Amino acid sequence: MSSAVAVYHGRFGRATLYNLNHDMATHAHREGHLTFFVQGLPSAMTVKGRRFALDGGSAVAVNPWEPHDFRAGDPDAGSLFLVLYIKPIWFLETARNAQSGLRFGRTEIDMSDQIRRSVNMVTSLLLEGEETDLFDGYLYELTQKCFDQSWQWTPDVTINQSYVLPFTDFRVRKSMRLMSERLGEDLELDDVARDAGLSRPHFYKLFRKQTGLTPNLFLNTLRMERAIDSLTGTEKSVTDIGFDLGFSSQASFTRFFTSNVGIAPSDYRRVAHLALR
């Protein structure tokens, strides 16, 4: 059974240690996403239709809103991973170059000696669970090293040219707002399309063109975020959180959360409450 070893929420986003022994469905995050293999058997992630190894030699970087999945290498004991969810605005504010948006140039990250040392440091701090003002600094250093490397061998493209703000069509922005406002209701995407001023086929086509996601994947991302916020910021029961998000039972909510986050919601809450700063 997959489990959370440590979860740390901060201004930067989330830093987690997960022991994973099952696959995860295709999903996305609004944060930049870095996954590092720590111990166990090698695993893999699929990003933009390509499979990338997660092992002692390579990590995986995923851009905000980029669909990806996870394929476990050890279905029995599981493998341990350091997983970071980095808020783009935090990286932008903290970066040495204020024009550097959090968009990686390459998905595969080589585990250089410098990156490996940073991974070991962040992993140790998470396992110790002690308060330290240095944690954000170590996280930023690790993220910056991966970011810089991802552009190191990307020819003919500058960092600034590569970063284009998504969601420029006002109808797509309106549909995203409607989905956020109606989260937890008996939400029909056909109604969202109509209220945004689009036919169903045009809505799906335009939404995917603008975001790289299907409307369903975007809606699942909103549900994940709302669930995590409720688990760490309220005393509501797991059952009530699931009902608030439109799930018919705790079992269906737990299946959704486990498939998209990697672990059960009760396990996430247990560890995150201990590590929450």
C-alpha atoms as a PDB file:
ATOM      1  CA  MET A   1       0.000   0.000   0.000  1.00  0.00           C
ATOM      2  CA  SER A   2       1.402   3.398  -1.000  1.00  0.00           C
ATOM      3  CA  SER A   3       1.975   5.748   1.924  1.00  0.00           C
ATOM      4  CA  ALA A   4       3.094   9.267   2.773  1.00  0.00           C
ATOM      5  CA  VAL A   5       6.307   9.404   4.793  1.00  0.00           C
ATOM      6  CA  ALA A   6       6.439  13.198   5.151  1.00  0.00           C
ATOM      7  CA  VAL A   7       4.568  16.196   3.750  1.00  0.00           C
ATOM      8  CA  TYR A   8       5.671  19.807   4.181  1.00  0.00           C
ATOM      9  CA  HIS A   9       3.470  22.705   3.074  1.00  0.00           C
ATOM     10  CA  GLY A  10       5.084  26.125   2.729  1.00  0.00           C
ATOM     11  CA  ARG A  11       5.006  29.342   0.756  1.00  0.00           C
ATOM     12  CA  PHE A  12       6.889  27.574  -2.047  1.00  0.00           C
ATOM     13  CA  GLY A  13       4.237  24.850  -2.434  1.00  0.00           C
ATOM     14  CA  ARG A  14       4.617  21.269  -1.198  1.00  0.00           C
ATOM     15  CA  ALA A  15       7.543  18.934  -0.555  1.00  0.00           C
ATOM     16  CA  THR A  16       6.670  15.285   0.001  1.00  0.00           C
ATOM     17  CA  LEU A  17       8.221  11.890   0.576  1.00  0.00           C
ATOM     18  CA  TYR A  18       5.996   9.167  -0.853  1.00  0.00           C
ATOM     19  CA  ASN A  19       6.458   5.406  -0.816  1.00  0.00           C
ATOM     20  CA  LEU A  20       4.592   4.362  -3.980  1.00  0.00           C
ATOM     21  CA  ASN A  21       3.716   0.857  -5.096  1.00  0.00           C
ATOM     22  CA  HIS A  22       0.871   1.465  -7.563  1.00  0.00           C
ATOM     23  CA  ASP A  23       0.343   3.370 -10.790  1.00  0.00           C
ATOM     24  CA  MET A  24      -1.266   6.801 -10.888  1.00  0.00           C
ATOM     25  CA  ALA A  25      -3.751   8.079 -13.448  1.00  0.00           C
ATOM     26  CA  THR A  26      -2.966  10.872 -15.895  1.00  0.00           C
ATOM     27  CA  HIS A  27      -3.303  14.146 -14.005  1.00  0.00           C
ATOM     28  CA  ALA A  28      -1.854  17.656 -13.808  1.00  0.00           C
ATOM     29  CA  HIS A  29      -0.885  20.370 -11.322  1.00  0.00           C
ATOM     30  CA  ARG A  30      -0.801  24.130 -11.554  1.00  0.00           C
ATOM     31  CA  GLU A  31       2.633  23.948  -9.883  1.00  0.00           C
ATOM     32  CA  GLY A  32       5.941  22.955 -11.411  1.00  0.00           C
ATOM     33  CA  HIS A  33       6.558  19.318 -10.550  1.00  0.00           C
ATOM     34  CA  LEU A  34       9.873  17.582  -9.767  1.00  0.00           C
ATOM     35  CA  THR A  35      10.125  13.876  -8.901  1.00  0.00           C
ATOM     36  CA  PHE A  36      13.331  12.259  -7.608  1.00  0.00           C
ATOM     37  CA  PHE A  37      13.960   8.561  -6.988  1.00  0.00           C
ATOM     38  CA  VAL A  38      15.334   7.958  -3.466  1.00  0.00           C
ATOM     39  CA  GLN A  39      15.378   4.206  -2.940  1.00  0.00           C
ATOM     40  CA  GLY A  40      13.741   0.955  -4.045  1.00  0.00           C
ATOM     41  CA  LEU A  41      13.192  -0.201  -7.614  1.00  0.00           C
ATOM     42  CA  PRO A  42      13.288   2.207 -10.592  1.00  0.00           C
ATOM     43  CA  SER A  43       9.936   3.487 -11.812  1.00  0.00           C
ATOM     44  CA  ALA A  44       8.787   5.752 -14.641  1.00  0.00           C
ATOM     45  CA  MET A  45       6.587   8.689 -15.573  1.00  0.00           C
ATOM     46  CA  THR A  46       4.873   9.483 -18.864  1.00  0.00           C
ATOM     47  CA  VAL A  47       4.912  13.160 -19.850  1.00  0.00           C
ATOM     48  CA  LYS A  48       3.499  14.410 -23.159  1.00  0.00           C
ATOM     49  CA  GLY A  49       3.247  10.836 -24.404  1.00  0.00           C
ATOM     50  CA  ARG A  50       6.886   9.948 -23.661  1.00  0.00           C
ATOM     51  CA  ARG A  51       8.097   7.567 -20.967  1.00  0.00           C
ATOM     52  CA  PHE A  52      10.890   8.804 -18.681  1.00  0.00           C
ATOM     53  CA  ALA A  53      12.833   6.748 -16.162  1.00  0.00           C
ATOM     54  CA  LEU A  54      12.874   7.518 -12.450  1.00  0.00           C
ATOM     55  CA  ASP A  55      16.031   5.943 -11.094  1.00  0.00           C
ATOM     56  CA  GLY A  56      19.374   6.765  -9.550  1.00  0.00           C
ATOM     57  CA  GLY A  57      20.537   8.457 -12.740  1.00  0.00           C
ATOM     58  CA  SER A  58      17.582  10.613 -13.718  1.00  0.00           C
ATOM     59  CA  ALA A  59      14.691  12.624 -12.326  1.00  0.00           C
ATOM     60  CA  VAL A  60      11.614  14.056 -14.049  1.00  0.00           C
ATOM     61  CA  ALA A  61      10.541  17.713 -14.387  1.00  0.00           C
ATOM     62  CA  VAL A  62       6.948  18.540 -15.333  1.00  0.00           C
ATOM     63  CA  ASN A  63       5.737  22.005 -16.271  1.00  0.00           C
ATOM     64  CA  PRO A  64       2.649  23.589 -14.714  1.00  0.00           C
ATOM     65  CA  TRP A  65      -0.552  22.123 -16.197  1.00  0.00           C
ATOM     66  CA  GLU A  66       1.380  19.440 -18.119  1.00  0.00           C
ATOM     67  CA  PRO A  67      -0.456  16.058 -18.093  1.00  0.00           C
ATOM     68  CA  HIS A  68       1.568  13.147 -16.725  1.00  0.00           C
ATOM     69  CA  ASP A  69       1.188   9.774 -15.056  1.00  0.00           C
ATOM     70  CA  PHE A  70       3.278   7.459 -12.856  1.00  0.00           C
ATOM     71  CA  ARG A  71       4.189   3.792 -13.319  1.00  0.00           C
ATOM     72  CA  ALA A  72       5.363   1.998 -10.177  1.00  0.00           C
ATOM     73  CA  GLY A  73       8.433  -0.224 -10.428  1.00  0.00           C
ATOM     74  CA  ASP A  74       7.782  -2.310  -7.306  1.00  0.00           C
ATOM     75  CA  PRO A  75       4.142  -3.373  -6.788  1.00  0.00           C
ATOM     76  CA  ASP A  76       5.028  -5.099  -3.517  1.00  0.00           C
ATOM     77  CA  ALA A  77       7.292  -3.068  -1.224  1.00  0.00           C
ATOM     78  CA  GLY A  78       7.097   0.171  -3.220  1.00  0.00           C
ATOM     79  CA  SER A  79       9.817   2.750  -3.874  1.00  0.00           C
ATOM     80  CA  LEU A  80      10.573   6.029  -2.094  1.00  0.00           C
ATOM     81  CA  PHE A  81      10.379   9.331  -3.987  1.00  0.00           C
ATOM     82  CA  LEU A  82      10.980  12.966  -3.158  1.00  0.00           C
ATOM     83  CA  VAL A  83       8.211  14.881  -4.944  1.00  0.00           C
ATOM     84  CA  LEU A  84       8.149  18.686  -5.134  1.00  0.00           C
ATOM     85  CA  TYR A  85       5.241  20.908  -6.193  1.00  0.00           C
ATOM     86  CA  ILE A  86       6.693  24.374  -6.767  1.00  0.00           C
ATOM     87  CA  LYS A  87       4.456  27.432  -7.114  1.00  0.00           C
ATOM     88  CA  PRO A  88       5.488  29.438 -10.202  1.00  0.00           C
ATOM     89  CA  ILE A  89       4.959  32.777  -8.440  1.00  0.00           C
ATOM     90  CA  TRP A  90       7.303  31.736  -5.590  1.00  0.00           C
ATOM     91  CA  PHE A  91      10.003  30.702  -8.050  1.00  0.00           C
ATOM     92  CA  LEU A  92       9.549  33.923  -9.997  1.00  0.00           C
ATOM     93  CA  GLU A  93       9.834  36.070  -6.863  1.00  0.00           C
ATOM     94  CA  THR A  94      12.817  34.127  -5.517  1.00  0.00           C
ATOM     95  CA  ALA A  95      14.747  33.660  -8.761  1.00  0.00           C
ATOM     96  CA  ARG A  96      17.922  35.595  -9.439  1.00  0.00           C
ATOM     97  CA  ASN A  97      16.518  36.463 -12.866  1.00  0.00           C
ATOM     98  CA  ALA A  98      13.092  38.032 -12.351  1.00  0.00           C
ATOM     99  CA  GLN A  99      12.143  37.139 -15.939  1.00  0.00           C
ATOM    100  CA  SER A 100      12.561  33.393 -15.430  1.00  0.00           C
ATOM    101  CA  GLY A 101       9.143  31.745 -15.462  1.00  0.00           C
ATOM    102  CA  LEU A 102       8.929  28.230 -14.022  1.00  0.00           C
ATOM    103  CA  ARG A 103       8.898  26.327 -17.283  1.00  0.00           C
ATOM    104  CA  PHE A 104      11.445  23.555 -17.732  1.00  0.00           C
ATOM    105  CA  GLY A 105      13.237  23.249 -21.053  1.00  0.00           C
ATOM    106  CA  ARG A 106      13.560  19.473 -20.852  1.00  0.00           C
ATOM    107  CA  THR A 107      11.671  16.783 -18.956  1.00  0.00           C
ATOM    108  CA  GLU A 108      14.552  14.462 -18.114  1.00  0.00           C
ATOM    109  CA  ILE A 109      16.896  15.731 -15.404  1.00  0.00           C
ATOM    110  CA  ASP A 110      20.338  14.172 -15.039  1.00  0.00           C
ATOM    111  CA  MET A 111      21.161  13.372 -11.419  1.00  0.00           C
ATOM    112  CA  SER A 112      24.421  15.282 -11.207  1.00  0.00           C
ATOM    113  CA  ASP A 113      26.462  15.212  -8.010  1.00  0.00           C
ATOM    114  CA  GLN A 114      25.190  18.703  -7.106  1.00  0.00           C
ATOM    115  CA  ILE A 115      21.536  17.761  -7.619  1.00  0.00           C
ATOM    116  CA  ARG A 116      21.988  14.498  -5.746  1.00  0.00           C
ATOM    117  CA  ARG A 117      23.473  16.342  -2.760  1.00  0.00           C
ATOM    118  CA  SER A 118      20.528  18.762  -2.741  1.00  0.00           C
ATOM    119  CA  VAL A 119      18.041  15.873  -2.944  1.00  0.00           C
ATOM    120  CA  ASN A 120      19.749  14.158  -0.006  1.00  0.00           C
ATOM    121  CA  MET A 121      19.650  17.362   2.038  1.00  0.00           C
ATOM    122  CA  VAL A 122      15.938  18.026   1.397  1.00  0.00           C
ATOM    123  CA  THR A 123      15.105  14.361   2.032  1.00  0.00           C
ATOM    124  CA  SER A 124      16.982  14.409   5.341  1.00  0.00           C
ATOM    125  CA  LEU A 125      15.207  17.565   6.491  1.00  0.00           C
ATOM    126  CA  LEU A 126      11.822  16.045   5.664  1.00  0.00           C
ATOM    127  CA  LEU A 127      12.643  12.847   7.531  1.00  0.00           C
ATOM    128  CA  GLU A 128      13.864  14.792  10.568  1.00  0.00           C
ATOM    129  CA  GLY A 129      10.686  16.885  10.593  1.00  0.00           C
ATOM    130  CA  GLU A 130      12.399  19.752  12.406  1.00  0.00           C
ATOM    131  CA  GLU A 131      11.584  23.418  11.942  1.00  0.00           C
ATOM    132  CA  THR A 132      14.312  25.239  10.019  1.00  0.00           C
ATOM    133  CA  ASP A 133      14.451  28.568   8.247  1.00  0.00           C
ATOM    134  CA  LEU A 134      16.859  27.016   5.748  1.00  0.00           C
ATOM    135  CA  PHE A 135      14.337  24.628   4.214  1.00  0.00           C
ATOM    136  CA  ASP A 136      12.987  27.042   1.602  1.00  0.00           C
ATOM    137  CA  GLY A 137      16.539  27.945   0.633  1.00  0.00           C
ATOM    138  CA  TYR A 138      17.470  24.313   0.024  1.00  0.00           C
ATOM    139  CA  LEU A 139      14.278  23.792  -1.971  1.00  0.00           C
ATOM    140  CA  TYR A 140      14.950  26.816  -4.119  1.00  0.00           C
ATOM    141  CA  GLU A 141      18.533  25.728  -4.726  1.00  0.00           C
ATOM    142  CA  LEU A 142      17.376  22.275  -5.856  1.00  0.00           C
ATOM    143  CA  THR A 143      14.672  23.702  -8.114  1.00  0.00           C
ATOM    144  CA  GLN A 144      17.069  26.244  -9.644  1.00  0.00           C
ATOM    145  CA  LYS A 145      19.683  23.566 -10.375  1.00  0.00           C
ATOM    146  CA  CYS A 146      17.095  21.436 -12.185  1.00  0.00           C
ATOM    147  CA  PHE A 147      15.710  24.466 -14.005  1.00  0.00           C
ATOM    148  CA  ASP A 148      19.153  25.571 -15.199  1.00  0.00           C
ATOM    149  CA  GLN A 149      20.090  22.079 -16.330  1.00  0.00           C
ATOM    150  CA  SER A 150      16.816  21.647 -18.216  1.00  0.00           C
ATOM    151  CA  TRP A 151      17.783  24.600 -20.445  1.00  0.00           C
ATOM    152  CA  GLN A 152      21.482  23.745 -20.662  1.00  0.00           C
ATOM    153  CA  TRP A 153      21.172  21.475 -23.689  1.00  0.00           C
ATOM    154  CA  THR A 154      18.095  23.025 -25.286  1.00  0.00           C
ATOM    155  CA  PRO A 155      19.350  24.701 -28.495  1.00  0.00           C
ATOM    156  CA  ASP A 156      18.051  27.840 -30.158  1.00  0.00           C
ATOM    157  CA  VAL A 157      15.456  28.633 -27.490  1.00  0.00           C
ATOM    158  CA  THR A 158      15.863  31.218 -24.767  1.00  0.00           C
ATOM    159  CA  ILE A 159      14.159  30.920 -21.414  1.00  0.00           C
ATOM    160  CA  ASN A 160      12.197  34.121 -21.872  1.00  0.00           C
ATOM    161  CA  GLN A 161      11.021  33.196 -25.373  1.00  0.00           C
ATOM    162  CA  SER A 162       9.854  29.817 -24.180  1.00  0.00           C
ATOM    163  CA  TYR A 163       7.509  31.085 -21.504  1.00  0.00           C
ATOM    164  CA  VAL A 164       4.120  32.045 -22.905  1.00  0.00           C
ATOM    165  CA  LEU A 165       1.205  32.732 -20.607  1.00  0.00           C
ATOM    166  CA  PRO A 166      -1.602  30.248 -21.333  1.00  0.00           C
ATOM    167  CA  PHE A 167      -5.363  30.671 -21.241  1.00  0.00           C
ATOM    168  CA  THR A 168      -5.547  33.775 -23.455  1.00  0.00           C
ATOM    169  CA  ASP A 169      -9.055  33.150 -24.810  1.00  0.00           C
ATOM    170  CA  PHE A 170     -11.652  34.822 -22.590  1.00  0.00           C
ATOM    171  CA  ARG A 171     -14.105  31.954 -23.105  1.00  0.00           C
ATOM    172  CA  VAL A 172     -11.587  29.432 -21.797  1.00  0.00           C
ATOM    173  CA  ARG A 173     -10.869  31.687 -18.809  1.00  0.00           C
ATOM    174  CA  LYS A 174     -14.598  31.975 -18.152  1.00  0.00           C
ATOM    175  CA  SER A 175     -15.068  28.204 -18.331  1.00  0.00           C
ATOM    176  CA  MET A 176     -12.233  27.729 -15.840  1.00  0.00           C
ATOM    177  CA  ARG A 177     -13.838  30.223 -13.483  1.00  0.00           C
ATOM    178  CA  LEU A 178     -17.217  28.510 -13.814  1.00  0.00           C
ATOM    179  CA  MET A 179     -15.723  25.102 -13.025  1.00  0.00           C
ATOM    180  CA  SER A 180     -14.004  26.534  -9.953  1.00  0.00           C
ATOM    181  CA  GLU A 181     -17.187  28.240  -8.734  1.00  0.00           C
ATOM    182  CA  ARG A 182     -19.351  25.159  -9.285  1.00  0.00           C
ATOM    183  CA  LEU A 183     -16.936  22.650  -7.823  1.00  0.00           C
ATOM    184  CA  GLY A 184     -18.925  20.255  -5.690  1.00  0.00           C
ATOM    185  CA  GLU A 185     -22.191  20.827  -7.520  1.00  0.00           C
ATOM    186  CA  ASP A 186     -23.721  18.358  -9.946  1.00  0.00           C
ATOM    187  CA  LEU A 187     -21.444  19.803 -12.601  1.00  0.00           C
ATOM    188  CA  GLU A 188     -22.062  19.103 -16.278  1.00  0.00           C
ATOM    189  CA  LEU A 189     -19.344  20.215 -18.665  1.00  0.00           C
ATOM    190  CA  ASP A 190     -21.935  20.709 -21.406  1.00  0.00           C
ATOM    191  CA  ASP A 191     -23.505  23.398 -19.210  1.00  0.00           C
ATOM    192  CA  VAL A 192     -20.097  24.997 -18.669  1.00  0.00           C
ATOM    193  CA  ALA A 193     -19.501  25.070 -22.419  1.00  0.00           C
ATOM    194  CA  ARG A 194     -22.885  26.680 -23.072  1.00  0.00           C
ATOM    195  CA  ASP A 195     -22.446  29.280 -20.320  1.00  0.00           C
ATOM    196  CA  ALA A 196     -19.011  30.136 -21.701  1.00  0.00           C
ATOM    197  CA  GLY A 197     -20.559  30.758 -25.110  1.00  0.00           C
ATOM    198  CA  LEU A 198     -19.251  27.665 -26.886  1.00  0.00           C
ATOM    199  CA  SER A 199     -20.661  24.544 -28.461  1.00  0.00           C
ATOM    200  CA  ARG A 200     -19.558  21.296 -26.826  1.00  0.00           C
ATOM    201  CA  PRO A 201     -17.123  20.271 -29.636  1.00  0.00           C
ATOM    202  CA  HIS A 202     -15.648  23.773 -29.882  1.00  0.00           C
ATOM    203  CA  PHE A 203     -15.295  23.986 -26.097  1.00  0.00           C
ATOM    204  CA  TYR A 204     -13.332  20.736 -25.844  1.00  0.00           C
ATOM    205  CA  LYS A 205     -11.128  21.594 -28.826  1.00  0.00           C
ATOM    206  CA  LEU A 206     -10.390  25.164 -27.724  1.00  0.00           C
ATOM    207  CA  PHE A 207      -9.847  24.220 -24.085  1.00  0.00           C
ATOM    208  CA  ARG A 208      -7.287  21.560 -24.990  1.00  0.00           C
ATOM    209  CA  LYS A 209      -5.550  23.870 -27.464  1.00  0.00           C
ATOM    210  CA  GLN A 210      -5.224  26.613 -24.845  1.00  0.00           C
ATOM    211  CA  THR A 211      -4.322  24.537 -21.803  1.00  0.00           C
ATOM    212  CA  GLY A 212      -2.958  21.220 -23.047  1.00  0.00           C
ATOM    213  CA  LEU A 213      -5.592  19.544 -20.844  1.00  0.00           C
ATOM    214  CA  THR A 214      -9.038  18.141 -21.380  1.00  0.00           C
ATOM    215  CA  PRO A 215     -11.753  19.900 -19.358  1.00  0.00           C
ATOM    216  CA  ASN A 216     -12.094  16.711 -17.305  1.00  0.00           C
ATOM    217  CA  LEU A 217      -8.409  16.741 -16.355  1.00  0.00           C
ATOM    218  CA  PHE A 218      -8.628  20.399 -15.398  1.00  0.00           C
ATOM    219  CA  LEU A 219     -11.677  19.678 -13.242  1.00  0.00           C
ATOM    220  CA  ASN A 220      -9.826  16.819 -11.547  1.00  0.00           C
ATOM    221  CA  THR A 221      -6.929  19.189 -10.819  1.00  0.00           C
ATOM    222  CA  LEU A 222      -9.328  21.596  -9.109  1.00  0.00           C
ATOM    223  CA  ARG A 223     -10.776  18.746  -7.060  1.00  0.00           C
ATOM    224  CA  MET A 224      -7.316  17.592  -6.001  1.00  0.00           C
ATOM    225  CA  GLU A 225      -6.334  21.076  -4.885  1.00  0.00           C
ATOM    226  CA  ARG A 226      -9.578  21.636  -2.993  1.00  0.00           C
ATOM    227  CA  ALA A 227      -9.257  18.237  -1.332  1.00  0.00           C
ATOM    228  CA  ILE A 228      -5.678  18.919  -0.192  1.00  0.00           C
ATOM    229  CA  ASP A 229      -6.648  22.354   1.125  1.00  0.00           C
ATOM    230  CA  SER A 230      -9.547  20.844   3.085  1.00  0.00           C
ATOM    231  CA  LEU A 231      -7.470  17.963   4.451  1.00  0.00           C
ATOM    232  CA  THR A 232      -4.737  20.273   5.753  1.00  0.00           C
ATOM    233  CA  GLY A 233      -6.762  23.379   6.582  1.00  0.00           C
ATOM    234  CA  THR A 234     -10.009  22.105   8.105  1.00  0.00           C
ATOM    235  CA  GLU A 235     -11.232  19.520  10.593  1.00  0.00           C
ATOM    236  CA  LYS A 236     -13.854  18.138   8.220  1.00  0.00           C
ATOM    237  CA  SER A 237     -14.034  14.378   7.973  1.00  0.00           C
ATOM    238  CA  VAL A 238     -12.739  12.672   4.839  1.00  0.00           C
ATOM    239  CA  THR A 239     -16.314  11.659   4.062  1.00  0.00           C
ATOM    240  CA  ASP A 240     -17.590  15.254   4.276  1.00  0.00           C
ATOM    241  CA  ILE A 241     -14.718  16.528   2.130  1.00  0.00           C
ATOM    242  CA  GLY A 242     -15.629  13.976  -0.509  1.00  0.00           C
ATOM    243  CA  PHE A 243     -19.305  14.965  -0.391  1.00  0.00           C
ATOM    244  CA  ASP A 244     -18.360  18.651  -0.701  1.00  0.00           C
ATOM    245  CA  LEU A 245     -16.498  17.795  -3.907  1.00  0.00           C
ATOM    246  CA  GLY A 246     -19.418  15.911  -5.405  1.00  0.00           C
ATOM    247  CA  PHE A 247     -18.389  12.320  -4.616  1.00  0.00           C
ATOM    248  CA  SER A 248     -21.177   9.932  -3.652  1.00  0.00           C
ATOM    249  CA  SER A 249     -19.195   8.087  -0.970  1.00  0.00           C
ATOM    250  CA  GLN A 250     -15.935   8.117   0.960  1.00  0.00           C
ATOM    251  CA  ALA A 251     -14.812   5.082  -1.036  1.00  0.00           C
ATOM    252  CA  SER A 252     -15.205   6.849  -4.383  1.00  0.00           C
ATOM    253  CA  PHE A 253     -13.409   9.947  -3.067  1.00  0.00           C
ATOM    254  CA  THR A 254     -10.573   7.799  -1.683  1.00  0.00           C
ATOM    255  CA  ARG A 255     -10.191   6.015  -5.028  1.00  0.00           C
ATOM    256  CA  PHE A 256     -10.034   9.359  -6.833  1.00  0.00           C
ATOM    257  CA  PHE A 257      -7.535  10.878  -4.403  1.00  0.00           C
ATOM    258  CA  THR A 258      -5.301   7.795  -4.408  1.00  0.00           C
ATOM    259  CA  SER A 259      -5.331   7.580  -8.195  1.00  0.00           C
ATOM    260  CA  ASN A 260      -4.385  11.254  -8.608  1.00  0.00           C
ATOM    261  CA  VAL A 261      -2.243  12.030  -5.563  1.00  0.00           C
ATOM    262  CA  GLY A 262      -0.748   8.591  -4.956  1.00  0.00           C
ATOM    263  CA  ILE A 263      -1.893   7.939  -1.394  1.00  0.00           C
ATOM    264  CA  ALA A 264      -5.145   7.789   0.562  1.00  0.00           C
ATOM    265  CA  PRO A 265      -6.569  11.106   1.863  1.00  0.00           C
ATOM    266  CA  SER A 266      -6.517   9.936   5.490  1.00  0.00           C
ATOM    267  CA  ASP A 267      -2.825   9.042   5.170  1.00  0.00           C
ATOM    268  CA  TYR A 268      -2.046  12.415   3.594  1.00  0.00           C
ATOM    269  CA  ARG A 269      -3.825  14.266   6.394  1.00  0.00           C
ATOM    270  CA  ARG A 270      -2.078  12.238   9.107  1.00  0.00           C
ATOM    271  CA  VAL A 271       1.405  13.145   7.866  1.00  0.00           C
ATOM    272  CA  ALA A 272       0.696  16.668   6.594  1.00  0.00           C
ATOM    273  CA  HIS A 273      -0.740  17.768   9.943  1.00  0.00           C
ATOM    274  CA  LEU A 274       2.499  16.691  11.609  1.00  0.00           C
ATOM    275  CA  ALA A 275       4.695  18.459   9.086  1.00  0.00           C
ATOM    276  CA  LEU A 276       2.589  21.540   8.320  1.00  0.00           C
ATOM    277  CA  ARG A 277       4.453  24.818   8.961  1.00  0.00           C
END
